[in-house]
Amino acid sequence: MTDIDKNNIEGIIQVLENMINERIPIHLGCHLLSAMYHSGNELVWYDFVEYYGNLSDIPLPMEYESWNKEALKIKLKKLDENKTEVLNMATELLNEIKGS
């Protein structure tokens, strides 16, 4: 395994663990994983690209204050509706990568 391959794997693991431990929101994690997928990383599942496409209109936490409260509530509901599925998928991929 080359250093580049090892760094790619470590990057994926870091994003997955950050999502699972809720250090980053799932839509940010899907965005990061989608970028890795489009950069040719074959370990990342296309499902994360699809979820990013569905969740890309949701603001990041640092943007919440600039949003209308009702509009934000609708966006966050959409995020919450997808959370379990994305986290389950992230856990499954993490286990696959780590060989569990």
PDB file of N, CA and C in Angstrom:
ATOM      1  N   MET A   1       0.848  -1.180   0.000  1.00  0.00           N
ATOM      2  CA  MET A   1       0.000   0.000   0.000  1.00  0.00           C
ATOM      3  C   MET A   1       0.893   1.242   0.000  1.00  0.00           C
ATOM      4  N   THR A   2       0.571   2.184  -0.875  1.00  0.00           N
ATOM      5  CA  THR A   2       1.361   3.409  -0.950  1.00  0.00           C
ATOM      6  C   THR A   2       0.922   4.378   0.142  1.00  0.00           C
ATOM      7  N   ASP A   3       1.740   5.405   0.344  1.00  0.00           N
ATOM      8  CA  ASP A   3       1.380   6.437   1.324  1.00  0.00           C
ATOM      9  C   ASP A   3       0.101   7.157   0.915  1.00  0.00           C
ATOM     10  N   ILE A   4      -0.090   7.343  -0.398  1.00  0.00           N
ATOM     11  CA  ILE A   4      -1.300   8.006  -0.886  1.00  0.00           C
ATOM     12  C   ILE A   4      -2.524   7.162  -0.550  1.00  0.00           C
ATOM     13  N   ASP A   5      -2.449   5.847  -0.793  1.00  0.00           N
ATOM     14  CA  ASP A   5      -3.562   4.960  -0.451  1.00  0.00           C
ATOM     15  C   ASP A   5      -3.851   5.002   1.043  1.00  0.00           C
ATOM     16  N   LYS A   6      -2.795   4.961   1.842  1.00  0.00           N
ATOM     17  CA  LYS A   6      -2.959   4.988   3.296  1.00  0.00           C
ATOM     18  C   LYS A   6      -3.599   6.303   3.742  1.00  0.00           C
ATOM     19  N   ASN A   7      -3.172   7.422   3.156  1.00  0.00           N
ATOM     20  CA  ASN A   7      -3.760   8.720   3.500  1.00  0.00           C
ATOM     21  C   ASN A   7      -5.226   8.794   3.095  1.00  0.00           C
ATOM     22  N   ASN A   8      -5.558   8.218   1.929  1.00  0.00           N
ATOM     23  CA  ASN A   8      -6.960   8.193   1.488  1.00  0.00           C
ATOM     24  C   ASN A   8      -7.819   7.409   2.461  1.00  0.00           C
ATOM     25  N   ILE A   9      -7.335   6.256   2.879  1.00  0.00           N
ATOM     26  CA  ILE A   9      -8.075   5.426   3.827  1.00  0.00           C
ATOM     27  C   ILE A   9      -8.230   6.148   5.159  1.00  0.00           C
ATOM     28  N   GLU A  10      -7.156   6.754   5.637  1.00  0.00           N
ATOM     29  CA  GLU A  10      -7.224   7.492   6.909  1.00  0.00           C
ATOM     30  C   GLU A  10      -8.195   8.659   6.819  1.00  0.00           C
ATOM     31  N   GLY A  11      -8.225   9.332   5.658  1.00  0.00           N
ATOM     32  CA  GLY A  11      -9.160  10.439   5.472  1.00  0.00           C
ATOM     33  C   GLY A  11     -10.602   9.980   5.517  1.00  0.00           C
ATOM     34  N   ILE A  12     -10.888   8.857   4.871  1.00  0.00           N
ATOM     35  CA  ILE A  12     -12.243   8.307   4.896  1.00  0.00           C
ATOM     36  C   ILE A  12     -12.625   7.927   6.317  1.00  0.00           C
ATOM     37  N   ILE A  13     -11.732   7.240   7.003  1.00  0.00           N
ATOM     38  CA  ILE A  13     -12.004   6.815   8.379  1.00  0.00           C
ATOM     39  C   ILE A  13     -12.283   8.027   9.262  1.00  0.00           C
ATOM     40  N   GLN A  14     -11.489   9.064   9.105  1.00  0.00           N
ATOM     41  CA  GLN A  14     -11.674  10.267   9.922  1.00  0.00           C
ATOM     42  C   GLN A  14     -13.046  10.897   9.688  1.00  0.00           C
ATOM     43  N   VAL A  15     -13.451  11.026   8.425  1.00  0.00           N
ATOM     44  CA  VAL A  15     -14.761  11.605   8.128  1.00  0.00           C
ATOM     45  C   VAL A  15     -15.874  10.724   8.685  1.00  0.00           C
ATOM     46  N   LEU A  16     -15.775   9.422   8.469  1.00  0.00           N
ATOM     47  CA  LEU A  16     -16.807   8.502   8.970  1.00  0.00           C
ATOM     48  C   LEU A  16     -16.911   8.569  10.491  1.00  0.00           C
ATOM     49  N   GLU A  17     -15.792   8.537  11.175  1.00  0.00           N
ATOM     50  CA  GLU A  17     -15.812   8.605  12.643  1.00  0.00           C
ATOM     51  C   GLU A  17     -16.365   9.944  13.124  1.00  0.00           C
ATOM     52  N   ASN A  18     -16.019  11.026  12.442  1.00  0.00           N
ATOM     53  CA  ASN A  18     -16.544  12.340  12.828  1.00  0.00           C
ATOM     54  C   ASN A  18     -18.054  12.410  12.638  1.00  0.00           C
ATOM     55  N   MET A  19     -18.558  11.789  11.594  1.00  0.00           N
ATOM     56  CA  MET A  19     -20.011  11.746  11.389  1.00  0.00           C
ATOM     57  C   MET A  19     -20.677  10.908  12.482  1.00  0.00           C
ATOM     58  N   ILE A  20     -20.155   9.708  12.687  1.00  0.00           N
ATOM     59  CA  ILE A  20     -20.760   8.772  13.646  1.00  0.00           C
ATOM     60  C   ILE A  20     -20.761   9.355  15.058  1.00  0.00           C
ATOM     61  N   ASN A  21     -19.675  10.042  15.415  1.00  0.00           N
ATOM     62  CA  ASN A  21     -19.571  10.639  16.753  1.00  0.00           C
ATOM     63  C   ASN A  21     -20.158  12.041  16.821  1.00  0.00           C
ATOM     64  N   GLU A  22     -20.815  12.460  15.728  1.00  0.00           N
ATOM     65  CA  GLU A  22     -21.517  13.734  15.625  1.00  0.00           C
ATOM     66  C   GLU A  22     -20.617  14.948  15.874  1.00  0.00           C
ATOM     67  N   ARG A  23     -19.361  14.829  15.442  1.00  0.00           N
ATOM     68  CA  ARG A  23     -18.464  15.979  15.489  1.00  0.00           C
ATOM     69  C   ARG A  23     -18.652  16.862  14.258  1.00  0.00           C
ATOM     70  N   ILE A  24     -19.209  16.246  13.186  1.00  0.00           N
ATOM     71  CA  ILE A  24     -19.597  17.014  12.007  1.00  0.00           C
ATOM     72  C   ILE A  24     -20.993  16.563  11.605  1.00  0.00           C
ATOM     73  N   PRO A  25     -21.785  17.470  11.026  1.00  0.00           N
ATOM     74  CA  PRO A  25     -23.125  17.073  10.590  1.00  0.00           C
ATOM     75  C   PRO A  25     -23.050  16.104   9.411  1.00  0.00           C
ATOM     76  N   ILE A  26     -24.082  15.299   9.257  1.00  0.00           N
ATOM     77  CA  ILE A  26     -24.054  14.260   8.227  1.00  0.00           C
ATOM     78  C   ILE A  26     -23.954  14.836   6.821  1.00  0.00           C
ATOM     79  N   HIS A  27     -24.568  15.995   6.579  1.00  0.00           N
ATOM     80  CA  HIS A  27     -24.508  16.540   5.228  1.00  0.00           C
ATOM     81  C   HIS A  27     -23.104  17.041   4.889  1.00  0.00           C
ATOM     82  N   LEU A  28     -22.355  17.507   5.879  1.00  0.00           N
ATOM     83  CA  LEU A  28     -20.958  17.886   5.644  1.00  0.00           C
ATOM     84  C   LEU A  28     -20.129  16.627   5.391  1.00  0.00           C
ATOM     85  N   GLY A  29     -20.373  15.586   6.170  1.00  0.00           N
ATOM     86  CA  GLY A  29     -19.667  14.323   5.956  1.00  0.00           C
ATOM     87  C   GLY A  29     -19.937  13.750   4.573  1.00  0.00           C
ATOM     88  N   CYS A  30     -21.200  13.799   4.144  1.00  0.00           N
ATOM     89  CA  CYS A  30     -21.543  13.309   2.802  1.00  0.00           C
ATOM     90  C   CYS A  30     -20.860  14.156   1.734  1.00  0.00           C
ATOM     91  N   HIS A  31     -20.763  15.453   1.977  1.00  0.00           N
ATOM     92  CA  HIS A  31     -20.074  16.339   1.028  1.00  0.00           C
ATOM     93  C   HIS A  31     -18.607  15.936   0.900  1.00  0.00           C
ATOM     94  N   LEU A  32     -17.946  15.721   2.029  1.00  0.00           N
ATOM     95  CA  LEU A  32     -16.527  15.351   2.025  1.00  0.00           C
ATOM     96  C   LEU A  32     -16.317  13.989   1.357  1.00  0.00           C
ATOM     97  N   LEU A  33     -17.168  13.038   1.684  1.00  0.00           N
ATOM     98  CA  LEU A  33     -17.057  11.709   1.078  1.00  0.00           C
ATOM     99  C   LEU A  33     -17.372  11.746  -0.411  1.00  0.00           C
ATOM    100  N   SER A  34     -18.323  12.582  -0.798  1.00  0.00           N
ATOM    101  CA  SER A  34     -18.654  12.738  -2.209  1.00  0.00           C
ATOM    102  C   SER A  34     -17.451  13.274  -2.979  1.00  0.00           C
ATOM    103  N   ALA A  35     -16.762  14.233  -2.398  1.00  0.00           N
ATOM    104  CA  ALA A  35     -15.562  14.786  -3.047  1.00  0.00           C
ATOM    105  C   ALA A  35     -14.496  13.707  -3.198  1.00  0.00           C
ATOM    106  N   MET A  36     -14.345  12.872  -2.182  1.00  0.00           N
ATOM    107  CA  MET A  36     -13.377  11.776  -2.261  1.00  0.00           C
ATOM    108  C   MET A  36     -13.761  10.793  -3.370  1.00  0.00           C
ATOM    109  N   TYR A  37     -15.048  10.491  -3.454  1.00  0.00           N
ATOM    110  CA  TYR A  37     -15.541   9.582  -4.494  1.00  0.00           C
ATOM    111  C   TYR A  37     -15.227  10.144  -5.880  1.00  0.00           C
ATOM    112  N   HIS A  38     -15.526  11.422  -6.072  1.00  0.00           N
ATOM    113  CA  HIS A  38     -15.309  12.049  -7.376  1.00  0.00           C
ATOM    114  C   HIS A  38     -13.833  12.242  -7.691  1.00  0.00           C
ATOM    115  N   SER A  39     -12.990  12.144  -6.676  1.00  0.00           N
ATOM    116  CA  SER A  39     -11.545  12.213  -6.892  1.00  0.00           C
ATOM    117  C   SER A  39     -10.969  10.839  -7.231  1.00  0.00           C
ATOM    118  N   GLY A  40     -11.840   9.853  -7.318  1.00  0.00           N
ATOM    119  CA  GLY A  40     -11.401   8.521  -7.717  1.00  0.00           C
ATOM    120  C   GLY A  40     -11.194   7.548  -6.583  1.00  0.00           C
ATOM    121  N   ASN A  41     -11.604   7.900  -5.387  1.00  0.00           N
ATOM    122  CA  ASN A  41     -11.438   6.988  -4.254  1.00  0.00           C
ATOM    123  C   ASN A  41     -12.497   5.898  -4.336  1.00  0.00           C
ATOM    124  N   GLU A  42     -12.061   4.701  -4.652  1.00  0.00           N
ATOM    125  CA  GLU A  42     -12.975   3.591  -4.886  1.00  0.00           C
ATOM    126  C   GLU A  42     -13.557   2.976  -3.619  1.00  0.00           C
ATOM    127  N   LEU A  43     -13.034   3.348  -2.460  1.00  0.00           N
ATOM    128  CA  LEU A  43     -13.575   2.809  -1.209  1.00  0.00           C
ATOM    129  C   LEU A  43     -14.882   3.484  -0.806  1.00  0.00           C
ATOM    130  N   VAL A  44     -15.067   4.724  -1.243  1.00  0.00           N
ATOM    131  CA  VAL A  44     -16.268   5.475  -0.862  1.00  0.00           C
ATOM    132  C   VAL A  44     -17.441   4.994  -1.708  1.00  0.00           C
ATOM    133  N   TRP A  45     -18.539   4.737  -1.045  1.00  0.00           N
ATOM    134  CA  TRP A  45     -19.737   4.273  -1.734  1.00  0.00           C
ATOM    135  C   TRP A  45     -20.448   5.437  -2.410  1.00  0.00           C
ATOM    136  N   TYR A  46     -21.024   5.164  -3.574  1.00  0.00           N
ATOM    137  CA  TYR A  46     -21.781   6.180  -4.311  1.00  0.00           C
ATOM    138  C   TYR A  46     -22.994   6.667  -3.517  1.00  0.00           C
ATOM    139  N   ASP A  47     -23.489   5.863  -2.604  1.00  0.00           N
ATOM    140  CA  ASP A  47     -24.640   6.256  -1.778  1.00  0.00           C
ATOM    141  C   ASP A  47     -24.401   7.594  -1.077  1.00  0.00           C
ATOM    142  N   PHE A  48     -23.163   7.847  -0.656  1.00  0.00           N
ATOM    143  CA  PHE A  48     -22.860   9.114   0.013  1.00  0.00           C
ATOM    144  C   PHE A  48     -22.997  10.288  -0.952  1.00  0.00           C
ATOM    145  N   VAL A  49     -22.699  10.072  -2.220  1.00  0.00           N
ATOM    146  CA  VAL A  49     -22.878  11.102  -3.248  1.00  0.00           C
ATOM    147  C   VAL A  49     -24.368  11.413  -3.394  1.00  0.00           C
ATOM    148  N   GLU A  50     -25.182  10.367  -3.422  1.00  0.00           N
ATOM    149  CA  GLU A  50     -26.631  10.559  -3.544  1.00  0.00           C
ATOM    150  C   GLU A  50     -27.202  11.302  -2.339  1.00  0.00           C
ATOM    151  N   TYR A  51     -26.776  10.923  -1.144  1.00  0.00           N
ATOM    152  CA  TYR A  51     -27.261  11.627   0.044  1.00  0.00           C
ATOM    153  C   TYR A  51     -26.807  13.083   0.036  1.00  0.00           C
ATOM    154  N   TYR A  52     -25.581  13.326  -0.387  1.00  0.00           N
ATOM    155  CA  TYR A  52     -25.121  14.710  -0.459  1.00  0.00           C
ATOM    156  C   TYR A  52     -25.998  15.511  -1.422  1.00  0.00           C
ATOM    157  N   GLY A  53     -26.339  14.917  -2.552  1.00  0.00           N
ATOM    158  CA  GLY A  53     -27.228  15.598  -3.496  1.00  0.00           C
ATOM    159  C   GLY A  53     -28.570  15.943  -2.867  1.00  0.00           C
ATOM    160  N   ASN A  54     -29.087  15.059  -2.042  1.00  0.00           N
ATOM    161  CA  ASN A  54     -30.372  15.294  -1.374  1.00  0.00           C
ATOM    162  C   ASN A  54     -30.273  16.286  -0.221  1.00  0.00           C
ATOM    163  N   LEU A  55     -29.094  16.395   0.393  1.00  0.00           N
ATOM    164  CA  LEU A  55     -28.943  17.216   1.602  1.00  0.00           C
ATOM    165  C   LEU A  55     -28.138  18.492   1.379  1.00  0.00           C
ATOM    166  N   SER A  56     -27.726  18.741   0.159  1.00  0.00           N
ATOM    167  CA  SER A  56     -26.824  19.869  -0.099  1.00  0.00           C
ATOM    168  C   SER A  56     -27.465  21.240   0.103  1.00  0.00           C
ATOM    169  N   ASP A  57     -28.786  21.297   0.186  1.00  0.00           N
ATOM    170  CA  ASP A  57     -29.456  22.583   0.384  1.00  0.00           C
ATOM    171  C   ASP A  57     -29.606  22.943   1.864  1.00  0.00           C
ATOM    172  N   ILE A  58     -29.101  22.114   2.743  1.00  0.00           N
ATOM    173  CA  ILE A  58     -29.213  22.358   4.183  1.00  0.00           C
ATOM    174  C   ILE A  58     -28.006  23.177   4.635  1.00  0.00           C
ATOM    175  N   PRO A  59     -28.245  24.266   5.368  1.00  0.00           N
ATOM    176  CA  PRO A  59     -27.115  25.091   5.807  1.00  0.00           C
ATOM    177  C   PRO A  59     -26.261  24.379   6.852  1.00  0.00           C
ATOM    178  N   LEU A  60     -25.020  24.814   6.956  1.00  0.00           N
ATOM    179  CA  LEU A  60     -24.120  24.315   7.987  1.00  0.00           C
ATOM    180  C   LEU A  60     -24.414  25.035   9.295  1.00  0.00           C
ATOM    181  N   PRO A  61     -24.057  24.441  10.435  1.00  0.00           N
ATOM    182  CA  PRO A  61     -24.367  25.065  11.727  1.00  0.00           C
ATOM    183  C   PRO A  61     -23.926  26.531  11.843  1.00  0.00           C
ATOM    184  N   MET A  62     -22.800  26.879  11.267  1.00  0.00           N
ATOM    185  CA  MET A  62     -22.325  28.268  11.371  1.00  0.00           C
ATOM    186  C   MET A  62     -23.232  29.238  10.599  1.00  0.00           C
ATOM    187  N   GLU A  63     -24.094  28.711   9.733  1.00  0.00           N
ATOM    188  CA  GLU A  63     -24.994  29.546   8.935  1.00  0.00           C
ATOM    189  C   GLU A  63     -26.391  29.661   9.544  1.00  0.00           C
ATOM    190  N   TYR A  64     -26.673  28.912  10.592  1.00  0.00           N
ATOM    191  CA  TYR A  64     -28.018  28.849  11.153  1.00  0.00           C
ATOM    192  C   TYR A  64     -28.562  30.226  11.541  1.00  0.00           C
ATOM    193  N   GLU A  65     -27.741  31.056  12.142  1.00  0.00           N
ATOM    194  CA  GLU A  65     -28.224  32.356  12.631  1.00  0.00           C
ATOM    195  C   GLU A  65     -28.694  33.278  11.513  1.00  0.00           C
ATOM    196  N   SER A  66     -28.170  33.078  10.319  1.00  0.00           N
ATOM    197  CA  SER A  66     -28.558  33.954   9.209  1.00  0.00           C
ATOM    198  C   SER A  66     -29.828  33.465   8.504  1.00  0.00           C
ATOM    199  N   TRP A  67     -30.356  32.326   8.918  1.00  0.00           N
ATOM    200  CA  TRP A  67     -31.541  31.761   8.285  1.00  0.00           C
ATOM    201  C   TRP A  67     -32.814  32.158   9.028  1.00  0.00           C
ATOM    202  N   ASN A  68     -33.898  32.246   8.282  1.00  0.00           N
ATOM    203  CA  ASN A  68     -35.217  32.405   8.856  1.00  0.00           C
ATOM    204  C   ASN A  68     -35.503  31.165   9.700  1.00  0.00           C
ATOM    205  N   LYS A  69     -36.004  31.368  10.899  1.00  0.00           N
ATOM    206  CA  LYS A  69     -36.183  30.247  11.836  1.00  0.00           C
ATOM    207  C   LYS A  69     -37.122  29.157  11.303  1.00  0.00           C
ATOM    208  N   GLU A  70     -38.190  29.538  10.652  1.00  0.00           N
ATOM    209  CA  GLU A  70     -39.129  28.540  10.112  1.00  0.00           C
ATOM    210  C   GLU A  70     -38.511  27.771   8.954  1.00  0.00           C
ATOM    211  N   ALA A  71     -37.815  28.475   8.074  1.00  0.00           N
ATOM    212  CA  ALA A  71     -37.157  27.814   6.946  1.00  0.00           C
ATOM    213  C   ALA A  71     -36.069  26.862   7.451  1.00  0.00           C
ATOM    214  N   LEU A  72     -35.335  27.298   8.460  1.00  0.00           N
ATOM    215  CA  LEU A  72     -34.283  26.461   9.043  1.00  0.00           C
ATOM    216  C   LEU A  72     -34.882  25.211   9.673  1.00  0.00           C
ATOM    217  N   LYS A  73     -36.012  25.374  10.337  1.00  0.00           N
ATOM    218  CA  LYS A  73     -36.678  24.237  10.982  1.00  0.00           C
ATOM    219  C   LYS A  73     -37.026  23.167   9.942  1.00  0.00           C
ATOM    220  N   ILE A  74     -37.504  23.589   8.783  1.00  0.00           N
ATOM    221  CA  ILE A  74     -37.851  22.657   7.708  1.00  0.00           C
ATOM    222  C   ILE A  74     -36.602  21.931   7.206  1.00  0.00           C
ATOM    223  N   LYS A  75     -35.515  22.682   7.025  1.00  0.00           N
ATOM    224  CA  LYS A  75     -34.265  22.079   6.538  1.00  0.00           C
ATOM    225  C   LYS A  75     -33.703  21.085   7.552  1.00  0.00           C
ATOM    226  N   LEU A  76     -33.745  21.457   8.835  1.00  0.00           N
ATOM    227  CA  LEU A  76     -33.199  20.574   9.864  1.00  0.00           C
ATOM    228  C   LEU A  76     -34.049  19.320  10.036  1.00  0.00           C
ATOM    229  N   LYS A  77     -35.351  19.428   9.765  1.00  0.00           N
ATOM    230  CA  LYS A  77     -36.211  18.246   9.809  1.00  0.00           C
ATOM    231  C   LYS A  77     -35.781  17.263   8.718  1.00  0.00           C
ATOM    232  N   LYS A  78     -35.493  17.790   7.543  1.00  0.00           N
ATOM    233  CA  LYS A  78     -35.017  16.960   6.426  1.00  0.00           C
ATOM    234  C   LYS A  78     -33.704  16.272   6.809  1.00  0.00           C
ATOM    235  N   LEU A  79     -32.829  16.999   7.455  1.00  0.00           N
ATOM    236  CA  LEU A  79     -31.554  16.433   7.903  1.00  0.00           C
ATOM    237  C   LEU A  79     -31.799  15.313   8.909  1.00  0.00           C
ATOM    238  N   ASP A  80     -32.685  15.563   9.857  1.00  0.00           N
ATOM    239  CA  ASP A  80     -32.994  14.574  10.886  1.00  0.00           C
ATOM    240  C   ASP A  80     -33.632  13.315  10.298  1.00  0.00           C
ATOM    241  N   GLU A  81     -34.461  13.485   9.268  1.00  0.00           N
ATOM    242  CA  GLU A  81     -35.124  12.343   8.630  1.00  0.00           C
ATOM    243  C   GLU A  81     -34.132  11.398   7.952  1.00  0.00           C
ATOM    244  N   ASN A  82     -32.987  11.904   7.556  1.00  0.00           N
ATOM    245  CA  ASN A  82     -31.980  11.093   6.868  1.00  0.00           C
ATOM    246  C   ASN A  82     -30.846  10.636   7.780  1.00  0.00           C
ATOM    247  N   LYS A  83     -30.824  11.144   8.980  1.00  0.00           N
ATOM    248  CA  LYS A  83     -29.689  10.920   9.882  1.00  0.00           C
ATOM    249  C   LYS A  83     -29.429   9.448  10.172  1.00  0.00           C
ATOM    250  N   THR A  84     -30.440   8.707  10.561  1.00  0.00           N
ATOM    251  CA  THR A  84     -30.253   7.310  10.940  1.00  0.00           C
ATOM    252  C   THR A  84     -29.702   6.494   9.778  1.00  0.00           C
ATOM    253  N   GLU A  85     -30.274   6.677   8.597  1.00  0.00           N
ATOM    254  CA  GLU A  85     -29.817   5.919   7.431  1.00  0.00           C
ATOM    255  C   GLU A  85     -28.361   6.236   7.089  1.00  0.00           C
ATOM    256  N   VAL A  86     -28.014   7.518   7.118  1.00  0.00           N
ATOM    257  CA  VAL A  86     -26.639   7.910   6.779  1.00  0.00           C
ATOM    258  C   VAL A  86     -25.667   7.393   7.828  1.00  0.00           C
ATOM    259  N   LEU A  87     -26.025   7.505   9.102  1.00  0.00           N
ATOM    260  CA  LEU A  87     -25.121   7.030  10.152  1.00  0.00           C
ATOM    261  C   LEU A  87     -24.970   5.514  10.119  1.00  0.00           C
ATOM    262  N   ASN A  88     -26.035   4.800   9.805  1.00  0.00           N
ATOM    263  CA  ASN A  88     -25.931   3.341   9.664  1.00  0.00           C
ATOM    264  C   ASN A  88     -25.001   2.985   8.509  1.00  0.00           C
ATOM    265  N   MET A  89     -25.135   3.700   7.416  1.00  0.00           N
ATOM    266  CA  MET A  89     -24.289   3.455   6.254  1.00  0.00           C
ATOM    267  C   MET A  89     -22.833   3.801   6.576  1.00  0.00           C
ATOM    268  N   ALA A  90     -22.617   4.892   7.298  1.00  0.00           N
ATOM    269  CA  ALA A  90     -21.267   5.293   7.680  1.00  0.00           C
ATOM    270  C   ALA A  90     -20.632   4.232   8.591  1.00  0.00           C
ATOM    271  N   THR A  91     -21.409   3.710   9.519  1.00  0.00           N
ATOM    272  CA  THR A  91     -20.918   2.672  10.417  1.00  0.00           C
ATOM    273  C   THR A  91     -20.571   1.409   9.647  1.00  0.00           C
ATOM    274  N   GLU A  92     -21.414   1.049   8.695  1.00  0.00           N
ATOM    275  CA  GLU A  92     -21.175  -0.153   7.885  1.00  0.00           C
ATOM    276  C   GLU A  92     -19.896  -0.013   7.052  1.00  0.00           C
ATOM    277  N   LEU A  93     -19.708   1.163   6.423  1.00  0.00           N
ATOM    278  CA  LEU A  93     -18.498   1.365   5.631  1.00  0.00           C
ATOM    279  C   LEU A  93     -17.269   1.385   6.522  1.00  0.00           C
ATOM    280  N   LEU A  94     -17.363   2.024   7.677  1.00  0.00           N
ATOM    281  CA  LEU A  94     -16.227   2.064   8.598  1.00  0.00           C
ATOM    282  C   LEU A  94     -15.839   0.656   9.027  1.00  0.00           C
ATOM    283  N   ASN A  95     -16.825  -0.169   9.352  1.00  0.00           N
ATOM    284  CA  ASN A  95     -16.543  -1.544   9.735  1.00  0.00           C
ATOM    285  C   ASN A  95     -15.922  -2.327   8.581  1.00  0.00           C
ATOM    286  N   GLU A  96     -16.385  -2.085   7.373  1.00  0.00           N
ATOM    287  CA  GLU A  96     -15.831  -2.765   6.204  1.00  0.00           C
ATOM    288  C   GLU A  96     -14.368  -2.369   5.995  1.00  0.00           C
ATOM    289  N   ILE A  97     -14.077  -1.094   6.117  1.00  0.00           N
ATOM    290  CA  ILE A  97     -12.707  -0.611   5.909  1.00  0.00           C
ATOM    291  C   ILE A  97     -11.774  -1.150   6.988  1.00  0.00           C
ATOM    292  N   LYS A  98     -12.268  -1.152   8.219  1.00  0.00           N
ATOM    293  CA  LYS A  98     -11.431  -1.619   9.326  1.00  0.00           C
ATOM    294  C   LYS A  98     -11.376  -3.144   9.422  1.00  0.00           C
ATOM    295  N   GLY A  99     -12.198  -3.805   8.600  1.00  0.00           N
ATOM    296  CA  GLY A  99     -12.158  -5.266   8.574  1.00  0.00           C
ATOM    297  C   GLY A  99     -12.916  -5.936   9.698  1.00  0.00           C
ATOM    298  N   SER A 100     -13.896  -5.224  10.253  1.00  0.00           N
ATOM    299  CA  SER A 100     -14.685  -5.808  11.348  1.00  0.00           C
ATOM    300  C   SER A 100     -15.790  -6.680  10.831  1.00  0.00           C
TER     301      SER A 100
END
